[in-house]
């Protein structure tokens, strides 16, 4: 590659031209940006690949009976159960609260506050 490829230049634009160029990247309401398409689109990937295997006469993909959870994987690799309390060794940690990605965790009572008091 030539050195010219690495050289950057500043460009001055009128405000209207900048806004027009910027808005070329904004999707209208109701549209969704598509990142993957074709045979490997995530929505229909398994069905399409199964159909390709069928048409090519390839053996069907074996389905896993059950997927190992991250806690099970870590317990198998480290030899210890991560749900077990580090201090006493006999207590079991439990899920107190769950929330979806992008949400804020729910507000919790301070640790020293006793419930029902």
Foldseek 3Di string as FASTA:
>chain_A
DDPVVVDDDDDDDPPVVVVVVVCVPDDDPPDDDQDDDDCCRPVCNLVSVQVVCVVVVHDGDDDDPDDDDPQRVCCVVVVHRPQADPPPRHDGHDDPDDDDPPDDGDDDDDPVDDPPD
